[in-house]
Amino acid sequence: MAELVLVVAIVAILVAIAIPYLTSGLEKSRETADIANVRSAFASIVNGYIESGVISTIEVPVTQRVPDWQVEPMPLIYYQVNGVQHEIEIPNKTEGTYSVTMEPDSTGNALPKIS
């Protein structure tokens, strides 16, 4: 009987150690999925604007669930307009949606925006 209690205690300790690692891996995969989905929406918006001149918006649902979670600093998306390189930071969100669209700047050029 003592052996069974010892085995159950060891298994409980191993599970207690493993849960934070599993949670961390799950949130990291959710963050990676969010970044990939936003980049895909960004490419679709820019491609649609270049091909047809239509300004549209794509809403990307957030899959992260843990508040203030961030594995790494959120990545930047780089793009060029008239030979000038620009960058957009993907905001860190844990609820709602990312909105990817094109907005005109002060000179009338449409520039992508992520919020």
PDB file of N, CA and C in Angstrom:
ATOM      1  N   MET A   1       0.816  -1.197   0.000  1.00  0.00           N
ATOM      2  CA  MET A   1       0.000   0.000   0.000  1.00  0.00           C
ATOM      3  C   MET A   1       0.861   1.263   0.000  1.00  0.00           C
ATOM      4  N   ALA A   2       1.960   1.225   0.754  1.00  0.00           N
ATOM      5  CA  ALA A   2       2.850   2.383   0.820  1.00  0.00           C
ATOM      6  C   ALA A   2       3.474   2.659  -0.539  1.00  0.00           C
ATOM      7  N   GLU A   3       3.747   1.592  -1.293  1.00  0.00           N
ATOM      8  CA  GLU A   3       4.327   1.768  -2.625  1.00  0.00           C
ATOM      9  C   GLU A   3       3.357   2.501  -3.547  1.00  0.00           C
ATOM     10  N   LEU A   4       2.091   2.186  -3.459  1.00  0.00           N
ATOM     11  CA  LEU A   4       1.064   2.832  -4.280  1.00  0.00           C
ATOM     12  C   LEU A   4       0.959   4.318  -3.947  1.00  0.00           C
ATOM     13  N   VAL A   5       0.976   4.644  -2.665  1.00  0.00           N
ATOM     14  CA  VAL A   5       0.918   6.046  -2.242  1.00  0.00           C
ATOM     15  C   VAL A   5       2.154   6.786  -2.754  1.00  0.00           C
ATOM     16  N   LEU A   6       3.297   6.160  -2.685  1.00  0.00           N
ATOM     17  CA  LEU A   6       4.536   6.777  -3.167  1.00  0.00           C
ATOM     18  C   LEU A   6       4.470   7.021  -4.677  1.00  0.00           C
ATOM     19  N   VAL A   7       3.967   6.056  -5.440  1.00  0.00           N
ATOM     20  CA  VAL A   7       3.845   6.215  -6.893  1.00  0.00           C
ATOM     21  C   VAL A   7       2.869   7.340  -7.228  1.00  0.00           C
ATOM     22  N   VAL A   8       1.742   7.400  -6.537  1.00  0.00           N
ATOM     23  CA  VAL A   8       0.758   8.466  -6.773  1.00  0.00           C
ATOM     24  C   VAL A   8       1.368   9.832  -6.447  1.00  0.00           C
ATOM     25  N   ALA A   9       2.134   9.932  -5.371  1.00  0.00           N
ATOM     26  CA  ALA A   9       2.777  11.193  -4.995  1.00  0.00           C
ATOM     27  C   ALA A   9       3.793  11.626  -6.048  1.00  0.00           C
ATOM     28  N   ILE A  10       4.559  10.688  -6.557  1.00  0.00           N
ATOM     29  CA  ILE A  10       5.553  11.014  -7.592  1.00  0.00           C
ATOM     30  C   ILE A  10       4.859  11.485  -8.866  1.00  0.00           C
ATOM     31  N   VAL A  11       3.808  10.805  -9.256  1.00  0.00           N
ATOM     32  CA  VAL A  11       3.058  11.203 -10.457  1.00  0.00           C
ATOM     33  C   VAL A  11       2.463  12.599 -10.258  1.00  0.00           C
ATOM     34  N   ALA A  12       1.920  12.882  -9.080  1.00  0.00           N
ATOM     35  CA  ALA A  12       1.342  14.197  -8.796  1.00  0.00           C
ATOM     36  C   ALA A  12       2.402  15.294  -8.885  1.00  0.00           C
ATOM     37  N   ILE A  13       3.578  15.037  -8.393  1.00  0.00           N
ATOM     38  CA  ILE A  13       4.674  16.010  -8.466  1.00  0.00           C
ATOM     39  C   ILE A  13       5.079  16.247  -9.917  1.00  0.00           C
ATOM     40  N   LEU A  14       5.189  15.193 -10.691  1.00  0.00           N
ATOM     41  CA  LEU A  14       5.550  15.337 -12.107  1.00  0.00           C
ATOM     42  C   LEU A  14       4.495  16.126 -12.878  1.00  0.00           C
ATOM     43  N   VAL A  15       3.227  15.879 -12.582  1.00  0.00           N
ATOM     44  CA  VAL A  15       2.147  16.620 -13.241  1.00  0.00           C
ATOM     45  C   VAL A  15       2.210  18.094 -12.844  1.00  0.00           C
ATOM     46  N   ALA A  16       2.457  18.379 -11.582  1.00  0.00           N
ATOM     47  CA  ALA A  16       2.550  19.766 -11.113  1.00  0.00           C
ATOM     48  C   ALA A  16       3.711  20.501 -11.787  1.00  0.00           C
ATOM     49  N   ILE A  17       4.780  19.794 -12.073  1.00  0.00           N
ATOM     50  CA  ILE A  17       5.923  20.402 -12.763  1.00  0.00           C
ATOM     51  C   ILE A  17       5.616  20.593 -14.246  1.00  0.00           C
ATOM     52  N   ALA A  18       4.892  19.668 -14.845  1.00  0.00           N
ATOM     53  CA  ALA A  18       4.644  19.709 -16.288  1.00  0.00           C
ATOM     54  C   ALA A  18       3.593  20.733 -16.705  1.00  0.00           C
ATOM     55  N   ILE A  19       2.623  21.050 -15.860  1.00  0.00           N
ATOM     56  CA  ILE A  19       1.521  21.943 -16.242  1.00  0.00           C
ATOM     57  C   ILE A  19       2.015  23.315 -16.699  1.00  0.00           C
ATOM     58  N   PRO A  20       2.927  23.996 -15.998  1.00  0.00           N
ATOM     59  CA  PRO A  20       3.378  25.302 -16.500  1.00  0.00           C
ATOM     60  C   PRO A  20       4.053  25.208 -17.868  1.00  0.00           C
ATOM     61  N   TYR A  21       4.787  24.148 -18.128  1.00  0.00           N
ATOM     62  CA  TYR A  21       5.436  23.983 -19.433  1.00  0.00           C
ATOM     63  C   TYR A  21       4.401  23.781 -20.536  1.00  0.00           C
ATOM     64  N   LEU A  22       3.372  22.993 -20.252  1.00  0.00           N
ATOM     65  CA  LEU A  22       2.334  22.768 -21.242  1.00  0.00           C
ATOM     66  C   LEU A  22       1.548  24.048 -21.512  1.00  0.00           C
ATOM     67  N   THR A  23       1.233  24.812 -20.475  1.00  0.00           N
ATOM     68  CA  THR A  23       0.522  26.079 -20.632  1.00  0.00           C
ATOM     69  C   THR A  23       1.358  27.060 -21.436  1.00  0.00           C
ATOM     70  N   SER A  24       2.633  27.119 -21.144  1.00  0.00           N
ATOM     71  CA  SER A  24       3.531  28.009 -21.876  1.00  0.00           C
ATOM     72  C   SER A  24       3.591  27.632 -23.350  1.00  0.00           C
ATOM     73  N   GLY A  25       3.698  26.367 -23.632  1.00  0.00           N
ATOM     74  CA  GLY A  25       3.747  25.916 -25.025  1.00  0.00           C
ATOM     75  C   GLY A  25       2.461  26.203 -25.767  1.00  0.00           C
ATOM     76  N   LEU A  26       1.335  26.039 -25.095  1.00  0.00           N
ATOM     77  CA  LEU A  26       0.041  26.307 -25.709  1.00  0.00           C
ATOM     78  C   LEU A  26      -0.107  27.789 -26.045  1.00  0.00           C
ATOM     79  N   GLU A  27       0.261  28.676 -25.112  1.00  0.00           N
ATOM     80  CA  GLU A  27       0.158  30.115 -25.382  1.00  0.00           C
ATOM     81  C   GLU A  27       1.137  30.554 -26.462  1.00  0.00           C
ATOM     82  N   LYS A  28       2.313  29.949 -26.472  1.00  0.00           N
ATOM     83  CA  LYS A  28       3.282  30.285 -27.524  1.00  0.00           C
ATOM     84  C   LYS A  28       2.730  29.902 -28.893  1.00  0.00           C
ATOM     85  N   SER A  29       2.075  28.753 -28.979  1.00  0.00           N
ATOM     86  CA  SER A  29       1.498  28.338 -30.264  1.00  0.00           C
ATOM     87  C   SER A  29       0.335  29.246 -30.659  1.00  0.00           C
ATOM     88  N   ARG A  30      -0.451  29.698 -29.686  1.00  0.00           N
ATOM     89  CA  ARG A  30      -1.536  30.639 -29.989  1.00  0.00           C
ATOM     90  C   ARG A  30      -0.973  31.973 -30.476  1.00  0.00           C
ATOM     91  N   GLU A  31       0.076  32.446 -29.836  1.00  0.00           N
ATOM     92  CA  GLU A  31       0.699  33.702 -30.258  1.00  0.00           C
ATOM     93  C   GLU A  31       1.242  33.569 -31.683  1.00  0.00           C
ATOM     94  N   THR A  32       1.881  32.466 -31.976  1.00  0.00           N
ATOM     95  CA  THR A  32       2.423  32.232 -33.306  1.00  0.00           C
ATOM     96  C   THR A  32       1.310  32.165 -34.348  1.00  0.00           C
ATOM     97  N   ALA A  33       0.197  31.534 -34.006  1.00  0.00           N
ATOM     98  CA  ALA A  33      -0.942  31.475 -34.929  1.00  0.00           C
ATOM     99  C   ALA A  33      -1.508  32.867 -35.176  1.00  0.00           C
ATOM    100  N   ASP A  34      -1.616  33.684 -34.123  1.00  0.00           N
ATOM    101  CA  ASP A  34      -2.109  35.058 -34.295  1.00  0.00           C
ATOM    102  C   ASP A  34      -1.202  35.849 -35.230  1.00  0.00           C
ATOM    103  N   ILE A  35       0.095  35.745 -35.041  1.00  0.00           N
ATOM    104  CA  ILE A  35       1.047  36.474 -35.877  1.00  0.00           C
ATOM    105  C   ILE A  35       0.934  36.021 -37.329  1.00  0.00           C
ATOM    106  N   ALA A  36       0.852  34.725 -37.554  1.00  0.00           N
ATOM    107  CA  ALA A  36       0.734  34.205 -38.919  1.00  0.00           C
ATOM    108  C   ALA A  36      -0.565  34.667 -39.575  1.00  0.00           C
ATOM    109  N   ASN A  37      -1.663  34.663 -38.830  1.00  0.00           N
ATOM    110  CA  ASN A  37      -2.943  35.096 -39.384  1.00  0.00           C
ATOM    111  C   ASN A  37      -2.943  36.582 -39.718  1.00  0.00           C
ATOM    112  N   VAL A  38      -2.319  37.400 -38.877  1.00  0.00           N
ATOM    113  CA  VAL A  38      -2.243  38.838 -39.152  1.00  0.00           C
ATOM    114  C   VAL A  38      -1.368  39.094 -40.376  1.00  0.00           C
ATOM    115  N   ARG A  39      -0.258  38.390 -40.486  1.00  0.00           N
ATOM    116  CA  ARG A  39       0.607  38.567 -41.668  1.00  0.00           C
ATOM    117  C   ARG A  39      -0.116  38.162 -42.951  1.00  0.00           C
ATOM    118  N   SER A  40      -0.887  37.103 -42.889  1.00  0.00           N
ATOM    119  CA  SER A  40      -1.654  36.662 -44.055  1.00  0.00           C
ATOM    120  C   SER A  40      -2.700  37.710 -44.439  1.00  0.00           C
ATOM    121  N   ALA A  41      -3.404  38.255 -43.445  1.00  0.00           N
ATOM    122  CA  ALA A  41      -4.392  39.306 -43.714  1.00  0.00           C
ATOM    123  C   ALA A  41      -3.716  40.545 -44.281  1.00  0.00           C
ATOM    124  N   PHE A  42      -2.550  40.878 -43.750  1.00  0.00           N
ATOM    125  CA  PHE A  42      -1.788  42.026 -44.247  1.00  0.00           C
ATOM    126  C   PHE A  42      -1.459  41.840 -45.727  1.00  0.00           C
ATOM    127  N   ALA A  43      -0.973  40.661 -46.078  1.00  0.00           N
ATOM    128  CA  ALA A  43      -0.633  40.387 -47.476  1.00  0.00           C
ATOM    129  C   ALA A  43      -1.870  40.459 -48.364  1.00  0.00           C
ATOM    130  N   SER A  44      -2.993  39.954 -47.889  1.00  0.00           N
ATOM    131  CA  SER A  44      -4.230  39.996 -48.678  1.00  0.00           C
ATOM    132  C   SER A  44      -4.704  41.423 -48.897  1.00  0.00           C
ATOM    133  N   ILE A  45      -4.651  42.244 -47.866  1.00  0.00           N
ATOM    134  CA  ILE A  45      -5.091  43.639 -47.968  1.00  0.00           C
ATOM    135  C   ILE A  45      -4.213  44.405 -48.951  1.00  0.00           C
ATOM    136  N   VAL A  46      -2.912  44.270 -48.801  1.00  0.00           N
ATOM    137  CA  VAL A  46      -1.989  44.991 -49.685  1.00  0.00           C
ATOM    138  C   VAL A  46      -2.132  44.498 -51.118  1.00  0.00           C
ATOM    139  N   ASN A  47      -2.228  43.188 -51.307  1.00  0.00           N
ATOM    140  CA  ASN A  47      -2.375  42.625 -52.649  1.00  0.00           C
ATOM    141  C   ASN A  47      -3.672  43.111 -53.303  1.00  0.00           C
ATOM    142  N   GLY A  48      -4.764  43.120 -52.548  1.00  0.00           N
ATOM    143  CA  GLY A  48      -6.030  43.600 -53.082  1.00  0.00           C
ATOM    144  C   GLY A  48      -5.970  45.064 -53.474  1.00  0.00           C
ATOM    145  N   TYR A  49      -5.271  45.844 -52.679  1.00  0.00           N
ATOM    146  CA  TYR A  49      -5.149  47.275 -52.996  1.00  0.00           C
ATOM    147  C   TYR A  49      -4.290  47.482 -54.240  1.00  0.00           C
ATOM    148  N   ILE A  50      -3.195  46.743 -54.348  1.00  0.00           N
ATOM    149  CA  ILE A  50      -2.305  46.891 -55.503  1.00  0.00           C
ATOM    150  C   ILE A  50      -3.006  46.446 -56.779  1.00  0.00           C
ATOM    151  N   GLU A  51      -3.744  45.341 -56.724  1.00  0.00           N
ATOM    152  CA  GLU A  51      -4.389  44.818 -57.928  1.00  0.00           C
ATOM    153  C   GLU A  51      -5.601  45.623 -58.375  1.00  0.00           C
ATOM    154  N   SER A  52      -6.423  46.062 -57.411  1.00  0.00           N
ATOM    155  CA  SER A  52      -7.683  46.696 -57.828  1.00  0.00           C
ATOM    156  C   SER A  52      -7.919  48.088 -57.245  1.00  0.00           C
ATOM    157  N   GLY A  53      -7.042  48.538 -56.348  1.00  0.00           N
ATOM    158  CA  GLY A  53      -7.215  49.849 -55.743  1.00  0.00           C
ATOM    159  C   GLY A  53      -8.311  49.901 -54.699  1.00  0.00           C
ATOM    160  N   VAL A  54      -8.842  48.759 -54.309  1.00  0.00           N
ATOM    161  CA  VAL A  54      -9.923  48.699 -53.333  1.00  0.00           C
ATOM    162  C   VAL A  54      -9.340  48.663 -51.925  1.00  0.00           C
ATOM    163  N   ILE A  55      -9.862  49.530 -51.063  1.00  0.00           N
ATOM    164  CA  ILE A  55      -9.452  49.518 -49.660  1.00  0.00           C
ATOM    165  C   ILE A  55     -10.467  48.686 -48.895  1.00  0.00           C
ATOM    166  N   SER A  56      -9.992  47.639 -48.257  1.00  0.00           N
ATOM    167  CA  SER A  56     -10.873  46.766 -47.493  1.00  0.00           C
ATOM    168  C   SER A  56     -10.272  46.529 -46.117  1.00  0.00           C
ATOM    169  N   THR A  57     -11.031  45.861 -45.274  1.00  0.00           N
ATOM    170  CA  THR A  57     -10.587  45.548 -43.916  1.00  0.00           C
ATOM    171  C   THR A  57     -10.807  44.064 -43.667  1.00  0.00           C
ATOM    172  N   ILE A  58      -9.845  43.448 -43.022  1.00  0.00           N
ATOM    173  CA  ILE A  58      -9.980  42.052 -42.605  1.00  0.00           C
ATOM    174  C   ILE A  58      -9.867  42.016 -41.087  1.00  0.00           C
ATOM    175  N   GLU A  59     -10.845  41.371 -40.461  1.00  0.00           N
ATOM    176  CA  GLU A  59     -10.831  41.177 -39.013  1.00  0.00           C
ATOM    177  C   GLU A  59     -10.273  39.781 -38.720  1.00  0.00           C
ATOM    178  N   VAL A  60      -9.238  39.727 -37.892  1.00  0.00           N
ATOM    179  CA  VAL A  60      -8.594  38.459 -37.537  1.00  0.00           C
ATOM    180  C   VAL A  60      -8.871  38.186 -36.060  1.00  0.00           C
ATOM    181  N   PRO A  61      -9.593  37.108 -35.728  1.00  0.00           N
ATOM    182  CA  PRO A  61      -9.879  36.831 -34.316  1.00  0.00           C
ATOM    183  C   PRO A  61      -8.622  36.452 -33.540  1.00  0.00           C
ATOM    184  N   VAL A  62      -8.554  36.912 -32.311  1.00  0.00           N
ATOM    185  CA  VAL A  62      -7.422  36.624 -31.432  1.00  0.00           C
ATOM    186  C   VAL A  62      -7.629  35.251 -30.801  1.00  0.00           C
ATOM    187  N   THR A  63      -6.583  34.424 -30.801  1.00  0.00           N
ATOM    188  CA  THR A  63      -6.693  33.093 -30.198  1.00  0.00           C
ATOM    189  C   THR A  63      -6.030  33.017 -28.832  1.00  0.00           C
ATOM    190  N   GLN A  64      -5.220  34.005 -28.468  1.00  0.00           N
ATOM    191  CA  GLN A  64      -4.580  33.980 -27.154  1.00  0.00           C
ATOM    192  C   GLN A  64      -5.622  34.146 -26.063  1.00  0.00           C
ATOM    193  N   ARG A  65      -5.345  33.577 -24.902  1.00  0.00           N
ATOM    194  CA  ARG A  65      -6.318  33.626 -23.830  1.00  0.00           C
ATOM    195  C   ARG A  65      -5.764  34.153 -22.507  1.00  0.00           C
ATOM    196  N   VAL A  66      -4.464  34.146 -22.324  1.00  0.00           N
ATOM    197  CA  VAL A  66      -3.876  34.542 -21.047  1.00  0.00           C
ATOM    198  C   VAL A  66      -3.542  36.033 -21.086  1.00  0.00           C
ATOM    199  N   PRO A  67      -4.134  36.848 -20.202  1.00  0.00           N
ATOM    200  CA  PRO A  67      -3.843  38.288 -20.210  1.00  0.00           C
ATOM    201  C   PRO A  67      -2.367  38.571 -19.969  1.00  0.00           C
ATOM    202  N   ASP A  68      -1.879  39.607 -20.636  1.00  0.00           N
ATOM    203  CA  ASP A  68      -0.483  40.062 -20.517  1.00  0.00           C
ATOM    204  C   ASP A  68       0.532  38.991 -20.897  1.00  0.00           C
ATOM    205  N   TRP A  69       0.118  38.015 -21.694  1.00  0.00           N
ATOM    206  CA  TRP A  69       1.034  36.978 -22.129  1.00  0.00           C
ATOM    207  C   TRP A  69       1.784  37.455 -23.356  1.00  0.00           C
ATOM    208  N   GLN A  70       3.075  37.252 -23.354  1.00  0.00           N
ATOM    209  CA  GLN A  70       3.847  37.538 -24.546  1.00  0.00           C
ATOM    210  C   GLN A  70       5.161  36.780 -24.432  1.00  0.00           C
ATOM    211  N   VAL A  71       5.366  35.862 -25.368  1.00  0.00           N
ATOM    212  CA  VAL A  71       6.581  35.061 -25.341  1.00  0.00           C
ATOM    213  C   VAL A  71       7.784  35.919 -25.708  1.00  0.00           C
ATOM    214  N   GLU A  72       7.625  36.684 -26.749  1.00  0.00           N
ATOM    215  CA  GLU A  72       8.700  37.529 -27.257  1.00  0.00           C
ATOM    216  C   GLU A  72       8.089  38.869 -27.635  1.00  0.00           C
ATOM    217  N   PRO A  73       8.916  39.878 -27.862  1.00  0.00           N
ATOM    218  CA  PRO A  73       8.329  41.105 -28.400  1.00  0.00           C
ATOM    219  C   PRO A  73       7.618  40.790 -29.714  1.00  0.00           C
ATOM    220  N   MET A  74       6.467  41.398 -29.909  1.00  0.00           N
ATOM    221  CA  MET A  74       5.699  41.136 -31.121  1.00  0.00           C
ATOM    222  C   MET A  74       6.523  41.563 -32.330  1.00  0.00           C
ATOM    223  N   PRO A  75       6.447  40.806 -33.388  1.00  0.00           N
ATOM    224  CA  PRO A  75       7.285  41.085 -34.550  1.00  0.00           C
ATOM    225  C   PRO A  75       6.798  42.293 -35.348  1.00  0.00           C
ATOM    226  N   LEU A  76       7.676  42.768 -36.181  1.00  0.00           N
ATOM    227  CA  LEU A  76       7.356  43.869 -37.081  1.00  0.00           C
ATOM    228  C   LEU A  76       7.095  43.317 -38.473  1.00  0.00           C
ATOM    229  N   ILE A  77       6.229  43.993 -39.215  1.00  0.00           N
ATOM    230  CA  ILE A  77       6.021  43.687 -40.617  1.00  0.00           C
ATOM    231  C   ILE A  77       6.674  44.818 -41.402  1.00  0.00           C
ATOM    232  N   TYR A  78       7.577  44.465 -42.299  1.00  0.00           N
ATOM    233  CA  TYR A  78       8.268  45.458 -43.115  1.00  0.00           C
ATOM    234  C   TYR A  78       7.653  45.492 -44.508  1.00  0.00           C
ATOM    235  N   TYR A  79       7.518  46.687 -45.059  1.00  0.00           N
ATOM    236  CA  TYR A  79       7.035  46.847 -46.430  1.00  0.00           C
ATOM    237  C   TYR A  79       7.635  48.128 -47.011  1.00  0.00           C
ATOM    238  N   GLN A  80       7.603  48.251 -48.335  1.00  0.00           N
ATOM    239  CA  GLN A  80       8.162  49.420 -49.007  1.00  0.00           C
ATOM    240  C   GLN A  80       7.093  50.139 -49.812  1.00  0.00           C
ATOM    241  N   VAL A  81       7.141  51.473 -49.764  1.00  0.00           N
ATOM    242  CA  VAL A  81       6.289  52.323 -50.576  1.00  0.00           C
ATOM    243  C   VAL A  81       7.198  53.331 -51.262  1.00  0.00           C
ATOM    244  N   ASN A  82       7.199  53.301 -52.589  1.00  0.00           N
ATOM    245  CA  ASN A  82       8.036  54.214 -53.375  1.00  0.00           C
ATOM    246  C   ASN A  82       9.509  54.162 -52.956  1.00  0.00           C
ATOM    247  N   GLY A  83       9.995  52.965 -52.669  1.00  0.00           N
ATOM    248  CA  GLY A  83      11.395  52.779 -52.321  1.00  0.00           C
ATOM    249  C   GLY A  83      11.741  53.099 -50.878  1.00  0.00           C
ATOM    250  N   VAL A  84      10.767  53.505 -50.077  1.00  0.00           N
ATOM    251  CA  VAL A  84      11.011  53.828 -48.672  1.00  0.00           C
ATOM    252  C   VAL A  84      10.482  52.680 -47.815  1.00  0.00           C
ATOM    253  N   GLN A  85      11.352  52.155 -46.939  1.00  0.00           N
ATOM    254  CA  GLN A  85      10.951  51.029 -46.103  1.00  0.00           C
ATOM    255  C   GLN A  85      10.179  51.532 -44.885  1.00  0.00           C
ATOM    256  N   HIS A  86       9.067  50.868 -44.593  1.00  0.00           N
ATOM    257  CA  HIS A  86       8.243  51.166 -43.425  1.00  0.00           C
ATOM    258  C   HIS A  86       8.122  49.902 -42.586  1.00  0.00           C
ATOM    259  N   GLU A  87       7.701  50.072 -41.357  1.00  0.00           N
ATOM    260  CA  GLU A  87       7.474  48.917 -40.489  1.00  0.00           C
ATOM    261  C   GLU A  87       6.216  49.146 -39.659  1.00  0.00           C
ATOM    262  N   ILE A  88       5.527  48.063 -39.386  1.00  0.00           N
ATOM    263  CA  ILE A  88       4.335  48.094 -38.541  1.00  0.00           C
ATOM    264  C   ILE A  88       4.524  47.042 -37.460  1.00  0.00           C
ATOM    265  N   GLU A  89       4.291  47.417 -36.208  1.00  0.00           N
ATOM    266  CA  GLU A  89       4.349  46.448 -35.124  1.00  0.00           C
ATOM    267  C   GLU A  89       2.968  45.830 -34.944  1.00  0.00           C
ATOM    268  N   ILE A  90       2.936  44.527 -34.807  1.00  0.00           N
ATOM    269  CA  ILE A  90       1.680  43.839 -34.535  1.00  0.00           C
ATOM    270  C   ILE A  90       1.384  44.030 -33.045  1.00  0.00           C
ATOM    271  N   PRO A  91       0.239  44.648 -32.702  1.00  0.00           N
ATOM    272  CA  PRO A  91      -0.051  44.862 -31.277  1.00  0.00           C
ATOM    273  C   PRO A  91      -0.314  43.545 -30.558  1.00  0.00           C
ATOM    274  N   ASN A  92       0.020  43.492 -29.281  1.00  0.00           N
ATOM    275  CA  ASN A  92      -0.207  42.296 -28.479  1.00  0.00           C
ATOM    276  C   ASN A  92      -1.618  42.353 -27.898  1.00  0.00           C
ATOM    277  N   LYS A  93      -2.458  41.393 -28.252  1.00  0.00           N
ATOM    278  CA  LYS A  93      -3.837  41.343 -27.762  1.00  0.00           C
ATOM    279  C   LYS A  93      -4.139  39.958 -27.211  1.00  0.00           C
ATOM    280  N   THR A  94      -5.034  39.910 -26.237  1.00  0.00           N
ATOM    281  CA  THR A  94      -5.471  38.621 -25.714  1.00  0.00           C
ATOM    282  C   THR A  94      -6.980  38.445 -25.829  1.00  0.00           C
ATOM    283  N   GLU A  95      -7.647  39.391 -26.492  1.00  0.00           N
ATOM    284  CA  GLU A  95      -9.085  39.237 -26.730  1.00  0.00           C
ATOM    285  C   GLU A  95      -9.486  40.119 -27.896  1.00  0.00           C
ATOM    286  N   GLY A  96     -10.644  39.828 -28.462  1.00  0.00           N
ATOM    287  CA  GLY A  96     -11.155  40.639 -29.561  1.00  0.00           C
ATOM    288  C   GLY A  96     -10.603  40.205 -30.906  1.00  0.00           C
ATOM    289  N   THR A  97     -10.332  41.203 -31.752  1.00  0.00           N
ATOM    290  CA  THR A  97      -9.826  40.929 -33.097  1.00  0.00           C
ATOM    291  C   THR A  97      -8.738  41.920 -33.460  1.00  0.00           C
ATOM    292  N   TYR A  98      -7.898  41.490 -34.384  1.00  0.00           N
ATOM    293  CA  TYR A  98      -6.969  42.402 -35.037  1.00  0.00           C
ATOM    294  C   TYR A  98      -7.693  42.948 -36.264  1.00  0.00           C
ATOM    295  N   SER A  99      -7.577  44.226 -36.512  1.00  0.00           N
ATOM    296  CA  SER A  99      -8.167  44.835 -37.691  1.00  0.00           C
ATOM    297  C   SER A  99      -7.035  45.251 -38.623  1.00  0.00           C
ATOM    298  N   VAL A 100      -7.020  44.687 -39.824  1.00  0.00           N
ATOM    299  CA  VAL A 100      -5.979  44.984 -40.810  1.00  0.00           C
ATOM    300  C   VAL A 100      -6.651  45.714 -41.970  1.00  0.00           C
ATOM    301  N   THR A 101      -6.193  46.927 -42.265  1.00  0.00           N
ATOM    302  CA  THR A 101      -6.814  47.729 -43.314  1.00  0.00           C
ATOM    303  C   THR A 101      -5.785  48.664 -43.956  1.00  0.00           C
ATOM    304  N   MET A 102      -6.221  49.393 -44.951  1.00  0.00           N
ATOM    305  CA  MET A 102      -5.407  50.428 -45.593  1.00  0.00           C
ATOM    306  C   MET A 102      -6.026  51.769 -45.228  1.00  0.00           C
ATOM    307  N   GLU A 103      -5.187  52.748 -44.889  1.00  0.00           N
ATOM    308  CA  GLU A 103      -5.673  54.090 -44.580  1.00  0.00           C
ATOM    309  C   GLU A 103      -4.848  55.113 -45.337  1.00  0.00           C
ATOM    310  N   PRO A 104      -5.479  56.161 -45.860  1.00  0.00           N
ATOM    311  CA  PRO A 104      -4.716  57.196 -46.556  1.00  0.00           C
ATOM    312  C   PRO A 104      -3.898  58.037 -45.574  1.00  0.00           C
ATOM    313  N   ASP A 105      -2.685  58.415 -45.979  1.00  0.00           N
ATOM    314  CA  ASP A 105      -1.869  59.292 -45.154  1.00  0.00           C
ATOM    315  C   ASP A 105      -2.084  60.746 -45.603  1.00  0.00           C
ATOM    316  N   SER A 106      -1.260  61.647 -45.101  1.00  0.00           N
ATOM    317  CA  SER A 106      -1.440  63.067 -45.405  1.00  0.00           C
ATOM    318  C   SER A 106      -1.192  63.407 -46.869  1.00  0.00           C
ATOM    319  N   THR A 107      -0.445  62.553 -47.581  1.00  0.00           N
ATOM    320  CA  THR A 107      -0.169  62.823 -48.996  1.00  0.00           C
ATOM    321  C   THR A 107      -1.149  62.114 -49.912  1.00  0.00           C
ATOM    322  N   GLY A 108      -2.089  61.370 -49.338  1.00  0.00           N
ATOM    323  CA  GLY A 108      -3.091  60.668 -50.141  1.00  0.00           C
ATOM    324  C   GLY A 108      -2.724  59.235 -50.477  1.00  0.00           C
ATOM    325  N   ASN A 109      -1.524  58.804 -50.082  1.00  0.00           N
ATOM    326  CA  ASN A 109      -1.134  57.413 -50.320  1.00  0.00           C
ATOM    327  C   ASN A 109      -1.820  56.522 -49.285  1.00  0.00           C
ATOM    328  N   ALA A 110      -2.295  55.384 -49.721  1.00  0.00           N
ATOM    329  CA  ALA A 110      -2.895  54.434 -48.783  1.00  0.00           C
ATOM    330  C   ALA A 110      -1.793  53.591 -48.150  1.00  0.00           C
ATOM    331  N   LEU A 111      -1.782  53.537 -46.840  1.00  0.00           N
ATOM    332  CA  LEU A 111      -0.790  52.761 -46.099  1.00  0.00           C
ATOM    333  C   LEU A 111      -1.505  51.730 -45.237  1.00  0.00           C
ATOM    334  N   PRO A 112      -0.923  50.540 -45.092  1.00  0.00           N
ATOM    335  CA  PRO A 112      -1.555  49.521 -44.257  1.00  0.00           C
ATOM    336  C   PRO A 112      -1.518  49.896 -42.779  1.00  0.00           C
ATOM    337  N   LYS A 113      -2.534  49.431 -42.058  1.00  0.00           N
ATOM    338  CA  LYS A 113      -2.620  49.687 -40.620  1.00  0.00           C
ATOM    339  C   LYS A 113      -3.129  48.438 -39.924  1.00  0.00           C
ATOM    340  N   ILE A 114      -2.520  48.117 -38.778  1.00  0.00           N
ATOM    341  CA  ILE A 114      -2.947  46.984 -37.955  1.00  0.00           C
ATOM    342  C   ILE A 114      -3.319  47.522 -36.586  1.00  0.00           C
ATOM    343  N   SER A 115      -4.517  47.228 -36.163  1.00  0.00           N
ATOM    344  CA  SER A 115      -4.924  47.659 -34.807  1.00  0.00           C
ATOM    345  C   SER A 115      -5.680  46.549 -34.115  1.00  0.00           C
TER     346      SER A 115
END
